[in-house]
Amino acid sequence: MSLTKQNQEPPIPQHQSIISSMFLIKIMSKRRTWVFLFVSVYTILLSISWNFLKTVLSWYESTMSANSSNPTNSVFSGWPALYASVLLGLAFGVLSMVAALAVAVPATLVTWITILVLLTFAGKNRRDLVLEGRKLTGDIIGFVVKVLIKEGNVVAALCAVLGYFALVIRRHKQDEHVDY
């Protein structure tokens, strides 16, 4: 009698595991859950970006005020603007890559599924379809990564150039108001 009690596992944890996995599947299949996750992630990314932007601008302002009080360092006043603009360009380039990735993943999946379905209807057997699917997956992922990096670099460079000119022009206007 004691031997059968030892071999039996209590059914409660298994039942709870099934219920929790079914609950998780049911929640994750809802569109509003994915929308909530999407909005939450982008809210966090924008908050981090905004805080980073404020930190870089605060650093720039403190560096420029220290340079303006010391006349020997005024020759190098363009370097802090360059550093700040590169940091801002980097931040916005990464943010744009993440935003593009959120759009690219669903579009890539639809393309991948469409091509596999068309290959199936074309009469490919299962083994060839698996090989084509693996090759196709590698090609699509490589293409998406190349496009994301290129787009992110373009945005980063554009933001860095615009940020540099904005910081220099802003500082030049402040210096004009101080002189009078």
Protein backbone atom coordinates (compact mmCIF):
# COMPACT_ATOMS: atom_id res chain seq x y z
CA MET A 1 0.00 0.00 0.00
CA SER A 2 2.78 2.41 0.82
CA LEU A 3 4.50 1.42 -2.44
CA THR A 4 1.58 2.59 -4.59
CA LYS A 5 1.34 5.87 -2.70
CA GLN A 6 5.01 6.60 -3.41
CA ASN A 7 4.68 5.92 -7.16
CA GLN A 8 1.67 8.16 -7.56
CA GLU A 9 2.31 11.81 -8.27
CA PRO A 10 -0.18 14.30 -7.01
CA PRO A 11 -2.43 15.43 -9.88
CA ILE A 12 -2.81 18.97 -8.58
CA PRO A 13 0.50 20.49 -9.89
CA GLN A 14 0.00 18.93 -13.33
CA HIS A 15 -3.55 20.22 -13.47
CA GLN A 16 -2.40 23.68 -12.38
CA SER A 17 0.35 23.59 -15.00
CA ILE A 18 -2.16 22.78 -17.73
CA ILE A 19 -4.50 25.51 -16.54
CA SER A 20 -1.72 28.11 -16.35
CA SER A 21 -0.39 27.19 -19.80
CA MET A 22 -3.89 27.36 -21.28
CA PHE A 23 -4.42 30.72 -19.58
CA LEU A 24 -1.11 31.99 -20.99
CA ILE A 25 -2.00 30.77 -24.48
CA LYS A 26 -5.43 32.38 -24.25
CA ILE A 27 -3.97 35.73 -23.09
CA MET A 28 -1.19 35.75 -25.69
CA SER A 29 -3.63 35.02 -28.50
CA LYS A 30 -5.50 38.25 -27.88
CA ARG A 31 -4.66 41.20 -30.09
CA ARG A 32 -5.00 43.67 -27.22
CA THR A 33 -2.25 41.83 -25.31
CA TRP A 34 0.16 42.33 -28.19
CA VAL A 35 -0.91 45.94 -28.59
CA PHE A 36 -0.32 46.49 -24.87
CA LEU A 37 3.13 44.89 -25.09
CA PHE A 38 3.98 46.95 -28.19
CA VAL A 39 2.87 50.21 -26.58
CA SER A 40 4.64 49.35 -23.33
CA VAL A 41 7.94 48.57 -25.06
CA TYR A 42 7.80 51.74 -27.13
CA THR A 43 6.88 53.80 -24.08
CA ILE A 44 9.92 52.44 -22.29
CA LEU A 45 12.15 53.08 -25.32
CA LEU A 46 10.90 56.64 -25.72
CA SER A 47 11.31 57.30 -22.01
CA ILE A 48 14.89 56.02 -22.08
CA SER A 49 15.60 58.06 -25.22
CA TRP A 50 14.10 61.20 -23.70
CA ASN A 51 16.14 60.79 -20.51
CA PHE A 52 19.28 60.16 -22.57
CA LEU A 53 18.56 63.27 -24.64
CA LYS A 54 18.16 65.39 -21.50
CA THR A 55 21.37 63.94 -20.02
CA VAL A 56 23.40 64.66 -23.16
CA LEU A 57 22.03 68.21 -23.44
CA SER A 58 22.70 68.80 -19.75
CA TRP A 59 26.27 67.59 -20.19
CA TYR A 60 26.67 69.83 -23.24
CA GLU A 61 25.34 72.89 -21.42
CA SER A 62 27.60 72.30 -18.42
CA THR A 63 30.63 71.79 -20.66
CA MET A 64 29.89 74.90 -22.69
CA SER A 65 29.33 77.04 -19.59
CA ALA A 66 32.67 75.80 -18.19
CA ASN A 67 34.38 76.59 -21.52
CA SER A 68 32.91 80.08 -21.72
CA SER A 69 34.17 80.94 -18.23
CA ASN A 70 37.70 79.81 -19.10
CA PRO A 71 39.06 81.78 -22.11
CA THR A 72 41.89 79.30 -22.81
CA ASN A 73 39.39 76.53 -23.60
CA SER A 74 37.21 78.62 -25.91
CA VAL A 75 39.21 77.40 -28.93
CA PHE A 76 37.80 73.90 -28.51
CA SER A 77 34.15 74.95 -28.13
CA GLY A 78 33.06 72.95 -31.18
CA TRP A 79 34.16 69.59 -29.77
CA PRO A 80 31.43 69.23 -27.12
CA ALA A 81 28.81 69.93 -29.79
CA LEU A 82 30.36 67.26 -31.98
CA TYR A 83 30.41 64.70 -29.16
CA ALA A 84 26.85 65.51 -28.13
CA SER A 85 25.57 65.32 -31.69
CA VAL A 86 27.25 61.95 -32.29
CA LEU A 87 25.69 60.57 -29.09
CA LEU A 88 22.27 61.89 -30.07
CA GLY A 89 22.64 60.49 -33.59
CA LEU A 90 23.59 57.12 -32.16
CA ALA A 91 20.60 57.08 -29.84
CA PHE A 92 18.12 58.02 -32.56
CA GLY A 93 19.72 55.60 -35.02
CA VAL A 94 19.25 52.70 -32.61
CA LEU A 95 15.71 53.83 -31.83
CA SER A 96 14.87 53.97 -35.54
CA MET A 97 16.30 50.47 -36.05
CA VAL A 98 14.10 49.12 -33.25
CA ALA A 99 11.07 50.88 -34.72
CA ALA A 100 11.83 49.50 -38.18
CA LEU A 101 12.31 46.03 -36.72
CA ALA A 102 8.82 46.15 -35.24
CA VAL A 103 7.44 46.78 -38.71
CA ALA A 104 9.81 44.44 -40.55
CA VAL A 105 9.20 41.30 -38.51
CA PRO A 106 5.49 40.86 -39.34
CA ALA A 107 6.07 41.79 -43.00
CA THR A 108 8.97 39.33 -43.19
CA LEU A 109 6.90 36.54 -41.67
CA VAL A 110 4.07 37.12 -44.14
CA THR A 111 6.55 37.08 -47.04
CA TRP A 112 8.21 33.91 -45.74
CA ILE A 113 4.89 32.10 -45.29
CA THR A 114 3.67 33.22 -48.72
CA ILE A 115 6.77 31.93 -50.46
CA LEU A 116 6.61 28.59 -48.64
CA VAL A 117 2.94 28.17 -49.55
CA LEU A 118 3.70 28.98 -53.19
CA LEU A 119 6.56 26.45 -53.19
CA THR A 120 4.18 23.86 -51.73
CA PHE A 121 1.61 24.52 -54.45
CA ALA A 122 4.36 24.32 -57.07
CA GLY A 123 4.79 20.67 -56.19
CA LYS A 124 7.93 20.66 -54.05
CA ASN A 125 8.23 17.61 -51.88
CA ARG A 126 8.63 17.93 -48.12
CA ARG A 127 12.41 17.46 -48.01
CA ASP A 128 13.05 20.05 -50.72
CA LEU A 129 10.57 22.40 -49.04
CA VAL A 130 12.46 22.16 -45.72
CA LEU A 131 15.78 22.85 -47.48
CA GLU A 132 14.30 25.78 -49.42
CA GLY A 133 12.70 27.10 -46.22
CA ARG A 134 16.03 27.07 -44.37
CA LYS A 135 17.80 28.77 -47.25
CA LEU A 136 14.97 31.28 -47.59
CA THR A 137 15.03 32.04 -43.86
CA GLY A 138 18.75 32.79 -43.96
CA ASP A 139 18.37 35.00 -47.04
CA ILE A 140 15.45 36.96 -45.59
CA ILE A 141 17.13 37.48 -42.19
CA GLY A 142 20.35 38.61 -43.87
CA PHE A 143 18.49 41.05 -46.09
CA VAL A 144 16.46 42.47 -43.18
CA VAL A 145 19.59 42.94 -41.04
CA LYS A 146 21.41 44.72 -43.88
CA VAL A 147 18.46 47.05 -44.48
CA LEU A 148 18.04 47.77 -40.76
CA ILE A 149 21.71 48.61 -40.33
CA LYS A 150 21.73 50.82 -43.43
CA GLU A 151 18.55 52.64 -42.36
CA GLY A 152 19.83 53.04 -38.79
CA ASN A 153 23.13 54.46 -40.02
CA VAL A 154 21.36 56.93 -42.29
CA VAL A 155 19.12 58.12 -39.46
CA ALA A 156 22.08 58.29 -37.06
CA ALA A 157 24.16 60.33 -39.50
CA LEU A 158 21.28 62.65 -40.32
CA CYS A 159 20.45 63.20 -36.64
CA ALA A 160 24.12 63.77 -35.80
CA VAL A 161 24.54 66.41 -38.52
CA LEU A 162 21.28 68.16 -37.67
CA GLY A 163 22.06 67.95 -33.96
CA TYR A 164 25.50 69.45 -34.47
CA PHE A 165 24.19 72.40 -36.44
CA ALA A 166 21.33 72.92 -33.97
CA LEU A 167 23.73 72.95 -31.01
CA VAL A 168 26.23 75.26 -32.74
CA ILE A 169 23.54 77.69 -33.94
CA ARG A 170 21.89 77.66 -30.51
CA ARG A 171 25.21 78.35 -28.81
CA HIS A 172 26.03 81.09 -31.33
CA LYS A 173 22.68 82.83 -30.62
CA GLN A 174 23.29 82.58 -26.87
CA ASP A 175 26.76 84.10 -27.30
CA GLU A 176 25.28 87.00 -29.33
CA HIS A 177 22.77 87.78 -26.59
CA VAL A 178 25.47 87.66 -23.92
CA ASP A 179 27.78 90.06 -25.81
CA TYR A 180 25.23 92.87 -25.89
